[in-house]
Amino acid sequence: MRFQPTPRQIIALKGFVFVACLVPVARLVTLFLRDALGANPIEAITRSTGWWTLAFLAITLAVTPVRLLLGLPWLLRLRRMLGLFAFFHACVHFTIYLWLDQFFDVPGIVADIAKRPFVTVGFAAFVLLVPLAVTSTNAMVRRLGARRWQRLHRLVYAIGALGVVHFWWLVKKDVTEPLIFAIVIGALLIARVVRRRADGRPGAPAGARRPEPG
C-alpha cells in the first residue's frame, strides 16, 4: 500500500519541506559569518544561489512525473511551494548581482545585460519567471482560465533552458554541472511531451490536463 498522508501529516510535511528549502540560504549566511566563503565571497554566493535556482526548477518540474510514476497524488501539494522557492532563490541570485556585483549602478547594469550574453540570458530567464510566480495561486488560475494559465506556465521549460545556457556560458570550461542540468530538464520536457500525447489519445481520463498549481 502506498503512503497516503493525512491532512495533518501534509501540513507537517509542508513545514518540513519549507524549512529544508531554506537550508541553502542558511548555509550561505553561516559561511559568511564564519568568513568561510573563500577568496571571492561574492562569486561564491552568486554561484550558489544560481545553482539552487536551477535545482529547484528541476525539482518542481519532476513533481508531476514522479507523482504519476509512483502513484503519489499528494506530492502535488508540494509543487507550488517548490516553484516559489525556485523564484525565491532566483530573486536572491539577482539581488546579489544588483547589489554586491553592480552596486545598483543602473547604467552599468543595463550595459552589462546588453554586452555579456550569459547575463542577457540569465536576465531573460528571471523576467520570464516573474509572471509564473505572480500567477501561482488558485485565484489566478480562475482569473486567467485553465488554458491561458497552462500556456503561460509552459514557459517554465524555456526558463529552465535559459538557466542552463546562462550557467553553461558562465562556467565556460568545466561544463559538467550545466550538462547534468541540461539532461535532467531535457528528460523532464520529454516526459511532459509524452504525457500530453497520452492525455490526448481517445479514452484519456477526463480532466487529465487540468492545471495543477499545487
C-alpha atoms as a PDB file:
ATOM      1  CA  MET A   1       0.000   0.000   0.000  1.00  0.00           C
ATOM      2  CA  ARG A   2       1.321   3.422  -0.962  1.00  0.00           C
ATOM      3  CA  PHE A   3       1.757   6.031   1.730  1.00  0.00           C
ATOM      4  CA  GLN A   4      -1.215   8.413   1.814  1.00  0.00           C
ATOM      5  CA  PRO A   5      -0.633  11.162   4.376  1.00  0.00           C
ATOM      6  CA  THR A   6      -3.467  12.600   6.422  1.00  0.00           C
ATOM      7  CA  PRO A   7      -4.247  16.345   6.243  1.00  0.00           C
ATOM      8  CA  ARG A   8      -2.259  16.907   9.451  1.00  0.00           C
ATOM      9  CA  GLN A   9       0.681  14.961   8.029  1.00  0.00           C
ATOM     10  CA  ILE A  10       0.512  17.067   4.853  1.00  0.00           C
ATOM     11  CA  ILE A  11       0.769  20.233   6.955  1.00  0.00           C
ATOM     12  CA  ALA A  12       3.748  18.785   8.838  1.00  0.00           C
ATOM     13  CA  LEU A  13       5.354  17.678   5.562  1.00  0.00           C
ATOM     14  CA  LYS A  14       4.913  21.149   4.077  1.00  0.00           C
ATOM     15  CA  GLY A  15       6.537  22.641   7.162  1.00  0.00           C
ATOM     16  CA  PHE A  16       9.480  20.258   6.857  1.00  0.00           C
ATOM     17  CA  VAL A  17       9.910  20.998   3.128  1.00  0.00           C
ATOM     18  CA  PHE A  18       9.675  24.746   3.782  1.00  0.00           C
ATOM     19  CA  VAL A  19      12.487  24.592   6.338  1.00  0.00           C
ATOM     20  CA  ALA A  20      14.553  22.285   4.102  1.00  0.00           C
ATOM     21  CA  CYS A  21      14.222  24.735   1.200  1.00  0.00           C
ATOM     22  CA  LEU A  22      15.770  27.454   3.354  1.00  0.00           C
ATOM     23  CA  VAL A  23      18.847  25.370   4.168  1.00  0.00           C
ATOM     24  CA  PRO A  24      20.921  26.615   1.169  1.00  0.00           C
ATOM     25  CA  VAL A  25      20.475  30.247   2.234  1.00  0.00           C
ATOM     26  CA  ALA A  26      21.100  29.406   5.892  1.00  0.00           C
ATOM     27  CA  ARG A  27      24.311  27.661   4.843  1.00  0.00           C
ATOM     28  CA  LEU A  28      25.488  30.739   2.935  1.00  0.00           C
ATOM     29  CA  VAL A  29      24.725  33.003   5.898  1.00  0.00           C
ATOM     30  CA  THR A  30      26.645  30.674   8.208  1.00  0.00           C
ATOM     31  CA  LEU A  31      29.638  30.571   5.884  1.00  0.00           C
ATOM     32  CA  PHE A  32      29.534  34.351   5.533  1.00  0.00           C
ATOM     33  CA  LEU A  33      29.504  34.869   9.303  1.00  0.00           C
ATOM     34  CA  ARG A  34      32.425  32.461   9.652  1.00  0.00           C
ATOM     35  CA  ASP A  35      34.296  34.199   6.815  1.00  0.00           C
ATOM     36  CA  ALA A  36      34.455  30.850   5.051  1.00  0.00           C
ATOM     37  CA  LEU A  37      33.217  31.727   1.562  1.00  0.00           C
ATOM     38  CA  GLY A  38      36.685  31.655   0.039  1.00  0.00           C
ATOM     39  CA  ALA A  39      38.773  34.273  -1.692  1.00  0.00           C
ATOM     40  CA  ASN A  40      35.825  35.618  -3.710  1.00  0.00           C
ATOM     41  CA  PRO A  41      32.720  35.521  -1.477  1.00  0.00           C
ATOM     42  CA  ILE A  42      30.521  37.438  -3.932  1.00  0.00           C
ATOM     43  CA  GLU A  43      31.195  34.885  -6.658  1.00  0.00           C
ATOM     44  CA  ALA A  44      30.583  32.030  -4.203  1.00  0.00           C
ATOM     45  CA  ILE A  45      27.210  33.441  -3.152  1.00  0.00           C
ATOM     46  CA  THR A  46      26.210  34.210  -6.734  1.00  0.00           C
ATOM     47  CA  ARG A  47      27.133  30.729  -7.978  1.00  0.00           C
ATOM     48  CA  SER A  48      25.374  29.008  -5.068  1.00  0.00           C
ATOM     49  CA  THR A  49      22.090  30.899  -5.417  1.00  0.00           C
ATOM     50  CA  GLY A  50      22.092  30.382  -9.179  1.00  0.00           C
ATOM     51  CA  TRP A  51      22.758  26.657  -8.765  1.00  0.00           C
ATOM     52  CA  TRP A  52      19.901  26.293  -6.310  1.00  0.00           C
ATOM     53  CA  THR A  53      17.553  28.219  -8.581  1.00  0.00           C
ATOM     54  CA  LEU A  54      18.130  25.642 -11.313  1.00  0.00           C
ATOM     55  CA  ALA A  55      17.923  22.797  -8.811  1.00  0.00           C
ATOM     56  CA  PHE A  56      14.539  23.939  -7.506  1.00  0.00           C
ATOM     57  CA  LEU A  57      13.275  24.418 -11.054  1.00  0.00           C
ATOM     58  CA  ALA A  58      14.253  20.848 -11.875  1.00  0.00           C
ATOM     59  CA  ILE A  59      12.722  19.510  -8.637  1.00  0.00           C
ATOM     60  CA  THR A  60       9.490  21.385  -9.342  1.00  0.00           C
ATOM     61  CA  LEU A  61       9.327  20.006 -12.877  1.00  0.00           C
ATOM     62  CA  ALA A  62       9.966  16.498 -11.537  1.00  0.00           C
ATOM     63  CA  VAL A  63       6.967  16.518  -9.187  1.00  0.00           C
ATOM     64  CA  THR A  64       4.362  15.554 -11.781  1.00  0.00           C
ATOM     65  CA  PRO A  65       6.361  12.723 -13.457  1.00  0.00           C
ATOM     66  CA  VAL A  66       7.291  11.264 -10.064  1.00  0.00           C
ATOM     67  CA  ARG A  67       3.695  11.621  -8.851  1.00  0.00           C
ATOM     68  CA  LEU A  68       2.378   9.743 -11.881  1.00  0.00           C
ATOM     69  CA  LEU A  69       5.141   7.150 -11.906  1.00  0.00           C
ATOM     70  CA  LEU A  70       4.842   6.250  -8.218  1.00  0.00           C
ATOM     71  CA  GLY A  71       1.133   6.918  -7.821  1.00  0.00           C
ATOM     72  CA  LEU A  72       1.597   9.561  -5.118  1.00  0.00           C
ATOM     73  CA  PRO A  73      -1.021  12.271  -5.750  1.00  0.00           C
ATOM     74  CA  TRP A  74      -0.175  14.104  -2.523  1.00  0.00           C
ATOM     75  CA  LEU A  75       3.178  15.186  -3.999  1.00  0.00           C
ATOM     76  CA  LEU A  76       1.232  17.765  -5.977  1.00  0.00           C
ATOM     77  CA  ARG A  77       0.556  19.601  -2.705  1.00  0.00           C
ATOM     78  CA  LEU A  78       4.265  20.469  -2.546  1.00  0.00           C
ATOM     79  CA  ARG A  79       4.775  21.671  -6.114  1.00  0.00           C
ATOM     80  CA  ARG A  80       3.681  25.257  -5.729  1.00  0.00           C
ATOM     81  CA  MET A  81       5.931  25.726  -2.695  1.00  0.00           C
ATOM     82  CA  LEU A  82       8.904  24.268  -4.551  1.00  0.00           C
ATOM     83  CA  GLY A  83       8.246  26.502  -7.555  1.00  0.00           C
ATOM     84  CA  LEU A  84       8.044  29.584  -5.365  1.00  0.00           C
ATOM     85  CA  PHE A  85      11.318  28.638  -3.713  1.00  0.00           C
ATOM     86  CA  ALA A  86      12.879  28.473  -7.186  1.00  0.00           C
ATOM     87  CA  PHE A  87      11.681  32.045  -7.636  1.00  0.00           C
ATOM     88  CA  PHE A  88      12.942  32.975  -4.163  1.00  0.00           C
ATOM     89  CA  HIS A  89      16.446  31.719  -4.928  1.00  0.00           C
ATOM     90  CA  ALA A  90      16.323  33.476  -8.315  1.00  0.00           C
ATOM     91  CA  CYS A  91      15.440  36.723  -6.521  1.00  0.00           C
ATOM     92  CA  VAL A  92      18.346  36.281  -4.104  1.00  0.00           C
ATOM     93  CA  HIS A  93      20.646  35.483  -7.042  1.00  0.00           C
ATOM     94  CA  PHE A  94      19.522  38.583  -8.940  1.00  0.00           C
ATOM     95  CA  THR A  95      19.688  40.788  -5.839  1.00  0.00           C
ATOM     96  CA  ILE A  96      23.277  39.714  -5.184  1.00  0.00           C
ATOM     97  CA  TYR A  97      24.116  40.687  -8.767  1.00  0.00           C
ATOM     98  CA  LEU A  98      22.412  44.081  -8.462  1.00  0.00           C
ATOM     99  CA  TRP A  99      23.790  44.847  -5.008  1.00  0.00           C
ATOM    100  CA  LEU A 100      27.176  43.253  -4.401  1.00  0.00           C
ATOM    101  CA  ASP A 101      28.312  42.921  -8.013  1.00  0.00           C
ATOM    102  CA  GLN A 102      26.932  46.111  -9.599  1.00  0.00           C
ATOM    103  CA  PHE A 103      26.204  48.282  -6.516  1.00  0.00           C
ATOM    104  CA  PHE A 104      22.850  49.291  -8.047  1.00  0.00           C
ATOM    105  CA  ASP A 105      24.609  51.116 -10.866  1.00  0.00           C
ATOM    106  CA  VAL A 106      21.643  51.194 -13.284  1.00  0.00           C
ATOM    107  CA  PRO A 107      23.551  52.352 -16.391  1.00  0.00           C
ATOM    108  CA  GLY A 108      26.244  49.774 -15.658  1.00  0.00           C
ATOM    109  CA  ILE A 109      23.633  47.042 -15.185  1.00  0.00           C
ATOM    110  CA  VAL A 110      21.889  47.901 -18.458  1.00  0.00           C
ATOM    111  CA  ALA A 111      25.228  47.905 -20.290  1.00  0.00           C
ATOM    112  CA  ASP A 112      26.215  44.589 -18.679  1.00  0.00           C
ATOM    113  CA  ILE A 113      22.933  42.953 -19.706  1.00  0.00           C
ATOM    114  CA  ALA A 114      23.355  44.226 -23.258  1.00  0.00           C
ATOM    115  CA  LYS A 115      27.032  43.307 -23.672  1.00  0.00           C
ATOM    116  CA  ARG A 116      27.515  39.991 -21.876  1.00  0.00           C
ATOM    117  CA  PRO A 117      25.439  37.160 -23.400  1.00  0.00           C
ATOM    118  CA  PHE A 118      25.339  34.991 -20.255  1.00  0.00           C
ATOM    119  CA  VAL A 119      23.978  37.959 -18.287  1.00  0.00           C
ATOM    120  CA  THR A 120      21.422  38.682 -21.027  1.00  0.00           C
ATOM    121  CA  VAL A 121      20.177  35.099 -20.970  1.00  0.00           C
ATOM    122  CA  GLY A 122      20.060  34.978 -17.179  1.00  0.00           C
ATOM    123  CA  PHE A 123      18.132  38.245 -17.024  1.00  0.00           C
ATOM    124  CA  ALA A 124      15.643  36.957 -19.606  1.00  0.00           C
ATOM    125  CA  ALA A 125      15.087  33.802 -17.537  1.00  0.00           C
ATOM    126  CA  PHE A 126      14.427  35.889 -14.419  1.00  0.00           C
ATOM    127  CA  VAL A 127      11.975  38.186 -16.214  1.00  0.00           C
ATOM    128  CA  LEU A 128      10.032  35.170 -17.543  1.00  0.00           C
ATOM    129  CA  LEU A 129       9.950  33.629 -14.077  1.00  0.00           C
ATOM    130  CA  VAL A 130       8.196  36.648 -12.517  1.00  0.00           C
ATOM    131  CA  PRO A 131       4.741  36.140 -14.129  1.00  0.00           C
ATOM    132  CA  LEU A 132       4.831  32.453 -13.223  1.00  0.00           C
ATOM    133  CA  ALA A 133       5.348  33.314  -9.570  1.00  0.00           C
ATOM    134  CA  VAL A 134       2.667  36.018  -9.661  1.00  0.00           C
ATOM    135  CA  THR A 135       0.094  33.635 -11.194  1.00  0.00           C
ATOM    136  CA  SER A 136       0.876  30.635  -8.988  1.00  0.00           C
ATOM    137  CA  THR A 137      -2.246  30.974  -6.817  1.00  0.00           C
ATOM    138  CA  ASN A 138      -5.578  29.219  -7.298  1.00  0.00           C
ATOM    139  CA  ALA A 139      -7.230  32.628  -7.617  1.00  0.00           C
ATOM    140  CA  MET A 140      -5.026  33.488 -10.601  1.00  0.00           C
ATOM    141  CA  VAL A 141      -5.823  30.138 -12.217  1.00  0.00           C
ATOM    142  CA  ARG A 142      -9.520  31.004 -12.026  1.00  0.00           C
ATOM    143  CA  ARG A 143      -8.914  34.551 -13.228  1.00  0.00           C
ATOM    144  CA  LEU A 144      -6.804  33.541 -16.237  1.00  0.00           C
ATOM    145  CA  GLY A 145      -8.733  30.422 -17.090  1.00  0.00           C
ATOM    146  CA  ALA A 146      -7.257  26.951 -17.325  1.00  0.00           C
ATOM    147  CA  ARG A 147      -5.995  27.169 -20.922  1.00  0.00           C
ATOM    148  CA  ARG A 148      -4.303  30.543 -20.626  1.00  0.00           C
ATOM    149  CA  TRP A 149      -2.792  29.545 -17.292  1.00  0.00           C
ATOM    150  CA  GLN A 150      -1.387  26.358 -18.805  1.00  0.00           C
ATOM    151  CA  ARG A 151       0.082  28.201 -21.787  1.00  0.00           C
ATOM    152  CA  LEU A 152       1.731  30.736 -19.520  1.00  0.00           C
ATOM    153  CA  HIS A 153       3.228  28.132 -17.198  1.00  0.00           C
ATOM    154  CA  ARG A 154       4.722  26.180 -20.067  1.00  0.00           C
ATOM    155  CA  LEU A 155       7.313  28.951 -20.043  1.00  0.00           C
ATOM    156  CA  VAL A 156       8.950  27.105 -17.163  1.00  0.00           C
ATOM    157  CA  TYR A 157      10.716  24.844 -19.675  1.00  0.00           C
ATOM    158  CA  ALA A 158      12.040  27.834 -21.616  1.00  0.00           C
ATOM    159  CA  ILE A 159      13.160  29.322 -18.307  1.00  0.00           C
ATOM    160  CA  GLY A 160      14.952  26.096 -17.418  1.00  0.00           C
ATOM    161  CA  ALA A 161      16.665  26.044 -20.822  1.00  0.00           C
ATOM    162  CA  LEU A 162      17.739  29.686 -20.477  1.00  0.00           C
ATOM    163  CA  GLY A 163      19.018  28.961 -16.982  1.00  0.00           C
ATOM    164  CA  VAL A 164      21.126  26.077 -18.274  1.00  0.00           C
ATOM    165  CA  VAL A 165      22.562  28.256 -21.071  1.00  0.00           C
ATOM    166  CA  HIS A 166      23.297  31.017 -18.531  1.00  0.00           C
ATOM    167  CA  PHE A 167      25.140  28.531 -16.321  1.00  0.00           C
ATOM    168  CA  TRP A 168      26.948  26.926 -19.278  1.00  0.00           C
ATOM    169  CA  TRP A 169      28.251  30.228 -20.642  1.00  0.00           C
ATOM    170  CA  LEU A 170      29.241  31.335 -17.159  1.00  0.00           C
ATOM    171  CA  VAL A 171      31.466  28.355 -16.319  1.00  0.00           C
ATOM    172  CA  LYS A 172      32.967  28.165 -19.852  1.00  0.00           C
ATOM    173  CA  LYS A 173      35.428  25.302 -19.260  1.00  0.00           C
ATOM    174  CA  ASP A 174      34.050  22.743 -16.795  1.00  0.00           C
ATOM    175  CA  VAL A 175      30.502  22.268 -18.075  1.00  0.00           C
ATOM    176  CA  THR A 176      29.784  19.098 -16.078  1.00  0.00           C
ATOM    177  CA  GLU A 177      27.123  20.616 -13.839  1.00  0.00           C
ATOM    178  CA  PRO A 178      25.343  22.589 -16.596  1.00  0.00           C
ATOM    179  CA  LEU A 179      25.345  19.409 -18.699  1.00  0.00           C
ATOM    180  CA  ILE A 180      23.695  17.461 -15.864  1.00  0.00           C
ATOM    181  CA  PHE A 181      21.024  20.138 -15.526  1.00  0.00           C
ATOM    182  CA  ALA A 182      20.518  20.104 -19.312  1.00  0.00           C
ATOM    183  CA  ILE A 183      19.988  16.335 -19.305  1.00  0.00           C
ATOM    184  CA  VAL A 184      17.598  16.418 -16.343  1.00  0.00           C
ATOM    185  CA  ILE A 185      15.478  19.301 -17.642  1.00  0.00           C
ATOM    186  CA  GLY A 186      15.518  17.844 -21.169  1.00  0.00           C
ATOM    187  CA  ALA A 187      14.328  14.480 -19.837  1.00  0.00           C
ATOM    188  CA  LEU A 188      11.534  16.171 -17.883  1.00  0.00           C
ATOM    189  CA  LEU A 189      10.472  18.056 -21.011  1.00  0.00           C
ATOM    190  CA  ILE A 190      10.355  14.801 -22.975  1.00  0.00           C
ATOM    191  CA  ALA A 191       8.293  13.226 -20.169  1.00  0.00           C
ATOM    192  CA  ARG A 192       5.843  16.128 -20.405  1.00  0.00           C
ATOM    193  CA  VAL A 193       5.516  15.778 -24.191  1.00  0.00           C
ATOM    194  CA  VAL A 194       4.889  12.031 -23.851  1.00  0.00           C
ATOM    195  CA  ARG A 195       2.301  12.660 -21.155  1.00  0.00           C
ATOM    196  CA  ARG A 196       0.484  15.301 -23.232  1.00  0.00           C
ATOM    197  CA  ARG A 197       0.314  12.938 -26.196  1.00  0.00           C
ATOM    198  CA  ALA A 198      -1.021  10.172 -23.968  1.00  0.00           C
ATOM    199  CA  ASP A 199      -3.620  12.536 -22.475  1.00  0.00           C
ATOM    200  CA  GLY A 200      -4.705  13.496 -25.978  1.00  0.00           C
ATOM    201  CA  ARG A 201      -5.489   9.916 -27.022  1.00  0.00           C
ATOM    202  CA  PRO A 202      -9.102   8.714 -27.194  1.00  0.00           C
ATOM    203  CA  GLY A 203     -10.154   7.325 -23.843  1.00  0.00           C
ATOM    204  CA  ALA A 204      -7.816   9.513 -21.811  1.00  0.00           C
ATOM    205  CA  PRO A 205      -9.351  10.308 -18.423  1.00  0.00           C
ATOM    206  CA  ALA A 206     -11.399  13.490 -18.188  1.00  0.00           C
ATOM    207  CA  GLY A 207      -9.563  16.374 -16.626  1.00  0.00           C
ATOM    208  CA  ALA A 208      -6.200  14.725 -17.212  1.00  0.00           C
ATOM    209  CA  ARG A 209      -4.745  18.024 -18.340  1.00  0.00           C
ATOM    210  CA  ARG A 210      -6.233  20.341 -15.741  1.00  0.00           C
ATOM    211  CA  PRO A 211      -3.888  22.987 -14.348  1.00  0.00           C
ATOM    212  CA  GLU A 212      -2.200  21.863 -11.147  1.00  0.00           C
ATOM    213  CA  PRO A 213      -0.834  24.843  -9.260  1.00  0.00           C
ATOM    214  CA  GLY A 214      -0.450  22.769  -6.109  1.00  0.00           C
END
